[in-house]
Amino acid sequence: MSEARMYHGQCHCGAVRFTANTALDGLMDCNCSRCRRLGWILQPVPADEFVLLSGADKLVPYHFNTDRIDHLFCSQCGIESFARGEDGSGKATVMINVNCLDDAPAVDRNTIRHWDGANF
């Protein structure tokens, strides 16, 4: 298990900026209709380890399926850099899009967990 550190992230235009304290050791992708199209690499982060620095007024929500996840898109550039919801035990969680981190290491998709969201 790697050690947690502070990462900085943003949408494409930079209007939405955030920090997340995480070890990047829970990387996964998902084959649901939405994630497959977006090409996300997901990392769950406890909500108290995530800070939205700017752009709250630029976020537009999108809900589908169970409506339990707040998919939040930048209204200027359309990028979803994170989503809010709960983990399996009901704990508030933010799912960050690792592709939106400014300083993330390169990710080998063959080494990450694959979530079968298409059949969930």
Protein backbone atom coordinates (compact mmCIF):
# COMPACT_ATOMS: atom_id res chain seq x y z
CA MET A 1 0.00 0.00 0.00
CA SER A 2 1.39 3.38 -0.97
CA GLU A 3 1.42 6.39 1.32
CA ALA A 4 -1.29 9.06 1.06
CA ARG A 5 -0.35 12.47 -0.23
CA MET A 6 -2.14 15.62 -1.33
CA TYR A 7 -3.05 15.79 -5.02
CA HIS A 8 -4.33 18.83 -6.88
CA GLY A 9 -6.87 18.52 -9.65
CA GLN A 10 -9.06 20.56 -11.94
CA CYS A 11 -11.44 20.44 -14.84
CA HIS A 12 -10.14 21.25 -18.33
CA CYS A 13 -10.70 25.01 -18.17
CA GLY A 14 -9.54 25.32 -14.55
CA ALA A 15 -12.77 26.80 -13.20
CA VAL A 16 -13.24 23.79 -10.89
CA ARG A 17 -10.22 23.10 -8.68
CA PHE A 18 -9.81 20.68 -5.80
CA THR A 19 -7.40 18.84 -3.56
CA ALA A 20 -7.64 15.19 -2.49
CA ASN A 21 -5.54 13.42 0.11
CA THR A 22 -5.21 9.83 -1.08
CA ALA A 23 -2.74 7.04 -1.72
CA LEU A 24 -4.10 6.27 -5.21
CA ASP A 25 -4.24 2.61 -4.23
CA GLY A 26 -7.90 1.99 -5.05
CA LEU A 27 -7.74 2.79 -8.76
CA MET A 28 -10.48 1.31 -10.88
CA ASP A 29 -12.42 1.73 -14.06
CA CYS A 30 -16.03 0.91 -14.78
CA ASN A 31 -17.82 -0.50 -17.82
CA CYS A 32 -21.20 1.16 -17.25
CA SER A 33 -22.59 3.11 -20.19
CA ARG A 34 -21.45 6.45 -18.74
CA CYS A 35 -17.95 5.61 -17.44
CA ARG A 36 -17.11 3.62 -20.56
CA ARG A 37 -17.81 6.67 -22.70
CA LEU A 38 -15.85 9.00 -20.42
CA GLY A 39 -12.77 6.80 -20.00
CA TRP A 40 -12.55 7.58 -16.29
CA ILE A 41 -9.92 6.21 -13.95
CA LEU A 42 -11.64 6.36 -10.59
CA GLN A 43 -10.20 6.73 -7.09
CA PRO A 44 -12.48 6.76 -4.05
CA VAL A 45 -11.60 9.37 -1.43
CA PRO A 46 -13.34 9.86 1.93
CA ALA A 47 -15.33 13.12 1.75
CA ASP A 48 -13.30 14.64 4.58
CA GLU A 49 -10.10 14.16 2.53
CA PHE A 50 -11.47 16.17 -0.42
CA VAL A 51 -11.60 19.97 -0.64
CA LEU A 52 -13.31 21.87 -3.44
CA LEU A 53 -11.14 24.99 -3.80
CA SER A 54 -13.10 26.81 -6.49
CA GLY A 55 -15.87 26.40 -9.00
CA ALA A 56 -18.81 25.29 -6.84
CA ASP A 57 -20.93 27.81 -8.75
CA LYS A 58 -19.84 26.21 -12.06
CA LEU A 59 -20.90 22.64 -11.18
CA VAL A 60 -23.92 21.13 -12.90
CA PRO A 61 -25.32 17.86 -11.53
CA TYR A 62 -26.28 14.81 -13.56
CA HIS A 63 -28.10 11.79 -12.13
CA PHE A 64 -28.97 8.45 -13.71
CA ASN A 65 -29.81 4.87 -12.77
CA THR A 66 -30.33 4.90 -8.97
CA ASP A 67 -29.88 8.70 -8.66
CA ARG A 68 -27.59 8.11 -5.66
CA ILE A 69 -24.44 9.63 -7.17
CA ASP A 70 -24.01 13.35 -7.83
CA HIS A 71 -22.06 13.46 -11.09
CA LEU A 72 -20.83 17.06 -11.23
CA PHE A 73 -19.77 18.64 -14.51
CA CYS A 74 -18.12 22.00 -15.10
CA SER A 75 -20.64 24.20 -16.91
CA GLN A 76 -17.83 25.86 -18.88
CA CYS A 77 -15.83 22.92 -20.25
CA GLY A 78 -18.08 19.91 -19.55
CA ILE A 79 -15.48 17.87 -17.65
CA GLU A 80 -16.52 15.76 -14.66
CA SER A 81 -13.47 15.83 -12.40
CA PHE A 82 -15.25 14.22 -9.44
CA ALA A 83 -18.57 12.82 -8.22
CA ARG A 84 -20.12 12.65 -4.76
CA GLY A 85 -21.95 9.76 -3.18
CA GLU A 86 -21.63 7.09 -0.49
CA ASP A 87 -19.58 3.92 -0.30
CA GLY A 88 -21.15 0.52 0.37
CA SER A 89 -21.33 1.21 4.11
CA GLY A 90 -23.00 4.61 3.74
CA LYS A 91 -19.90 6.74 4.33
CA ALA A 92 -19.73 10.00 2.33
CA THR A 93 -17.26 9.47 -0.51
CA VAL A 94 -15.92 11.49 -3.41
CA MET A 95 -14.88 9.59 -6.51
CA ILE A 96 -12.16 11.58 -8.22
CA ASN A 97 -11.25 11.27 -11.87
CA VAL A 98 -7.52 10.53 -11.72
CA ASN A 99 -7.19 11.84 -15.28
CA CYS A 100 -8.01 15.31 -13.85
CA LEU A 101 -5.16 15.34 -11.33
CA ASP A 102 -2.37 17.76 -12.16
CA ASP A 103 0.36 15.66 -10.60
CA ALA A 104 -0.80 12.05 -10.84
CA PRO A 105 1.61 9.34 -11.92
CA ALA A 106 1.06 7.47 -15.17
CA VAL A 107 -1.50 4.69 -14.75
CA ASP A 108 -1.25 1.26 -16.35
CA ARG A 109 -4.89 0.29 -16.95
CA ASN A 110 -3.91 -3.38 -16.79
CA THR A 111 -3.07 -2.99 -13.08
CA ILE A 112 -6.31 -1.41 -11.85
CA ARG A 113 -9.52 -2.98 -10.55
CA HIS A 114 -12.34 -3.33 -13.05
CA TRP A 115 -15.86 -2.62 -11.76
CA ASP A 116 -18.67 -4.32 -13.64
CA GLY A 117 -21.06 -1.38 -13.51
CA ALA A 118 -22.85 -2.55 -16.65
CA ASN A 119 -24.29 -5.49 -14.71
CA PHE A 120 -24.65 -3.82 -11.31
